[in-house]
Protein backbone atom coordinates (compact mmCIF):
# COMPACT_ATOMS: atom_id res chain seq x y z
CA MET A 1 -18.04 64.51 48.80
CA ILE A 2 -17.38 61.11 47.61
CA ARG A 3 -16.62 58.56 50.29
CA THR A 4 -13.51 56.56 49.66
CA SER A 5 -15.09 53.30 50.89
CA LYS A 6 -17.17 53.41 47.60
CA LEU A 7 -13.95 53.66 45.50
CA ILE A 8 -11.96 50.99 47.38
CA SER A 9 -13.58 47.89 45.69
CA PRO A 10 -13.50 49.39 42.05
CA LEU A 11 -9.79 50.25 42.72
CA LEU A 12 -9.01 46.75 43.95
CA ALA A 13 -10.58 45.43 40.81
CA LEU A 14 -8.33 47.58 38.75
CA VAL A 15 -5.32 46.42 40.77
CA ALA A 16 -6.34 42.77 40.04
CA LEU A 17 -6.65 43.69 36.29
CA PHE A 18 -3.35 45.37 36.37
CA ALA A 19 -1.68 42.39 37.89
CA LEU A 20 -3.12 40.00 35.43
CA TYR A 21 -2.01 42.36 32.50
CA LEU A 22 1.48 42.29 34.16
CA HIS A 23 1.47 38.43 34.47
CA GLN A 24 0.06 37.95 30.91
CA PHE A 25 2.32 40.39 28.87
CA HIS A 26 5.39 40.59 30.92
CA PRO A 27 5.95 36.96 31.81
CA ARG A 28 9.64 37.21 32.31
CA LEU A 29 9.37 40.00 34.82
CA PHE A 30 6.22 38.89 36.63
CA ALA A 31 6.33 35.18 36.13
CA ASP A 32 6.09 34.23 39.84
CA PHE A 33 3.59 34.97 42.47
CA ARG A 34 5.96 36.73 44.79
CA SER A 35 6.32 39.81 42.53
CA LEU A 36 2.44 39.98 41.93
CA LEU A 37 1.96 39.77 45.71
CA LEU A 38 4.36 42.61 46.15
CA ILE A 39 2.43 44.83 43.68
CA ALA A 40 -0.76 43.91 45.49
CA VAL A 41 0.63 44.62 48.97
CA ILE A 42 2.04 47.93 47.95
CA THR A 43 -1.07 48.97 46.19
CA SER A 44 -3.28 47.93 48.98
CA CYS A 45 -1.13 49.91 51.46
CA SER A 46 -1.27 52.92 49.25
CA LEU A 47 -5.10 52.61 49.10
CA ALA A 48 -5.38 52.16 52.97
CA PHE A 49 -3.29 55.36 53.47
CA PHE A 50 -5.52 57.17 50.77
CA ARG A 51 -8.49 56.07 52.91
CA VAL A 52 -6.91 57.37 56.16
CA SER A 53 -6.14 60.65 54.50
CA ALA A 54 -9.66 61.12 53.04
CA ASP A 55 -10.98 60.47 56.47
CA ALA A 56 -8.64 63.08 57.95
CA LEU A 57 -10.40 65.76 55.80
CA ASP A 58 -13.84 65.03 57.48
CA PRO A 59 -14.09 66.93 60.84
CA ALA A 60 -16.18 64.29 62.31
CA THR A 61 -13.53 61.36 61.64
CA ALA A 62 -10.34 63.52 61.96
CA ALA A 63 -9.17 62.41 65.28
CA ALA A 64 -9.72 58.81 64.51
CA ALA A 65 -7.93 59.19 61.20
CA VAL A 66 -4.96 60.69 62.74
CA ASP A 67 -4.78 57.84 65.54
CA ARG A 68 -5.02 55.34 62.69
CA PHE A 69 -2.22 57.00 60.71
CA THR A 70 -0.04 57.16 63.86
CA GLY A 71 -0.42 53.48 64.53
CA LEU A 72 0.08 52.53 60.85
CA HIS A 73 3.23 54.70 60.58
CA PHE A 74 4.65 53.26 63.81
CA TRP A 75 4.07 49.54 62.90
CA LEU A 76 4.51 49.74 59.07
CA GLY A 77 7.03 52.61 58.79
CA THR A 78 9.15 52.24 61.93
CA ILE A 79 8.92 48.56 62.94
CA VAL A 80 8.57 46.84 59.51
CA GLY A 81 10.19 49.40 57.17
CA GLU A 82 13.22 50.82 59.03
CA THR A 83 13.93 48.06 61.58
CA VAL A 84 13.62 45.04 59.15
CA GLY A 85 15.40 47.29 56.60
CA TYR A 86 18.39 47.73 58.96
CA ALA A 87 18.51 43.94 59.63
CA LEU A 88 18.24 43.01 55.89
CA THR A 89 21.06 45.52 54.93
CA ALA A 90 23.38 44.21 57.48
CA THR A 91 22.62 40.71 56.55
CA PHE A 92 23.24 41.46 52.87
CA THR A 93 26.48 43.06 53.59
CA VAL A 94 27.77 40.15 55.69
CA LEU A 95 26.69 37.68 52.96
CA VAL A 96 28.38 39.69 50.24
CA VAL A 97 31.62 39.97 52.31
CA ARG A 98 31.74 36.24 52.95
CA ALA A 99 31.07 35.45 49.31
CA VAL A 100 33.40 37.82 47.50
CA ALA A 101 37.18 37.48 47.62
CA ALA A 102 38.33 40.85 48.53
CA PRO A 103 41.33 42.30 50.43
CA THR A 104 41.14 41.85 54.20
CA TRP A 105 40.71 45.55 54.88
CA VAL A 106 37.77 45.68 52.55
CA ARG A 107 36.11 42.83 54.39
CA ILE A 108 36.88 44.40 57.75
CA LEU A 109 35.20 47.48 56.35
CA GLY A 110 32.19 45.57 55.34
CA TYR A 111 31.75 43.77 58.68
CA ALA A 112 32.16 46.96 60.64
CA SER A 113 29.55 48.80 58.43
CA ALA A 114 27.13 45.89 58.89
CA GLY A 115 27.64 45.84 62.69
CA LEU A 116 27.06 49.52 62.90
CA ILE A 117 23.95 49.28 60.63
CA ALA A 118 22.56 46.48 62.76
CA THR A 119 22.52 48.76 65.85
CA GLY A 120 19.48 50.42 64.01
CA VAL A 121 17.25 47.67 65.08
CA ILE A 122 17.34 49.01 68.68
CA ILE A 123 16.36 52.61 67.70
CA PRO A 124 12.56 52.10 68.33
CA LEU A 125 13.59 51.09 71.85
CA GLY A 126 14.75 54.50 72.64
CA VAL A 127 18.54 54.03 72.62
CA GLY A 128 19.81 57.39 71.67
CA VAL A 129 23.34 56.36 70.54
CA ALA A 130 22.02 53.90 68.11
CA SER A 131 21.05 56.58 65.79
CA LEU A 132 24.42 57.77 65.71
CA THR A 133 26.18 54.55 65.18
CA ASN A 134 23.49 53.60 62.48
CA PHE A 135 24.25 56.77 60.69
CA ALA A 136 28.00 55.97 60.93
CA GLY A 137 27.30 52.61 59.63
CA TYR A 138 25.64 53.85 56.55
CA VAL A 139 28.40 56.31 55.91
CA LEU A 140 30.82 53.41 56.06
CA TRP A 141 28.49 51.16 54.03
CA CYS A 142 28.62 53.87 51.11
CA LEU A 143 32.31 53.89 51.29
CA TRP A 144 32.46 50.12 51.37
CA LEU A 145 30.06 49.80 48.32
CA ILE A 146 32.24 52.25 46.31
CA VAL A 147 35.54 50.26 47.31
CA MET A 148 33.80 46.97 46.59
CA ALA A 149 32.73 48.32 43.08
CA VAL A 150 36.23 49.15 42.36
CA VAL A 151 37.58 45.86 43.68
CA LEU A 152 35.06 43.99 41.59
CA TRP A 153 35.74 46.13 38.54
CA ARG A 154 39.38 45.72 38.65
CA ALA A 155 39.44 41.86 39.26
CA ASP A 156 39.91 39.87 36.36
CA ALA A 157 36.97 37.81 35.55
CA ALA A 158 38.97 34.48 35.29
CA THR A 159 40.58 35.22 38.68
CA VAL A 160 37.45 35.83 40.55
CA ALA A 161 35.73 32.64 39.14
CA GLU A 162 38.88 30.54 40.09
CA THR A 163 39.54 32.16 43.50
CA PRO A 164 37.15 30.60 46.27
CA ALA A 165 35.65 33.05 48.61
CA PRO A 166 37.13 32.85 52.28
CA ALA A 167 33.93 31.22 53.60
CA ALA A 168 33.84 28.60 50.77
CA ALA A 169 37.38 27.63 51.33
CA ALA A 170 36.88 27.28 55.09
CA ARG A 171 33.97 24.95 54.36
CA GLY A 172 36.05 22.64 52.30
């Protein structure tokens, strides 16, 4: 059986070469450091999970691998992935509602869905009703996305460009 620790260094070298290739031959897509960093982080996390899963096959290290996976799943999956995702989705929705001139009921639907989605950040604290409100928020958010697409599609491009968003008009 090949130990994965012997594979990690060559795989990271391949990741570095692939990132260099992307930067060199696709400069418009990967011109900045952030996109290359994102690829490196995703690949490194994938390799870490590969390492954990390979250790889980060995009976001597299976218990430690399960503990490691449980910890990584909680911190990377629940805390970072879901909780930050809920917060960013709610923030994105509020920013779009403030920036786009839309009917009042569409804006209210956007704010309501953002508020309900934001309740998802307390799910890891064990608040049971937060799962239901978060789910309802995502259902409303899907409806809001469809309605917003229709509003933007039907709006005349010149009217949208000339009409200031409600937040911009309030600022002066």
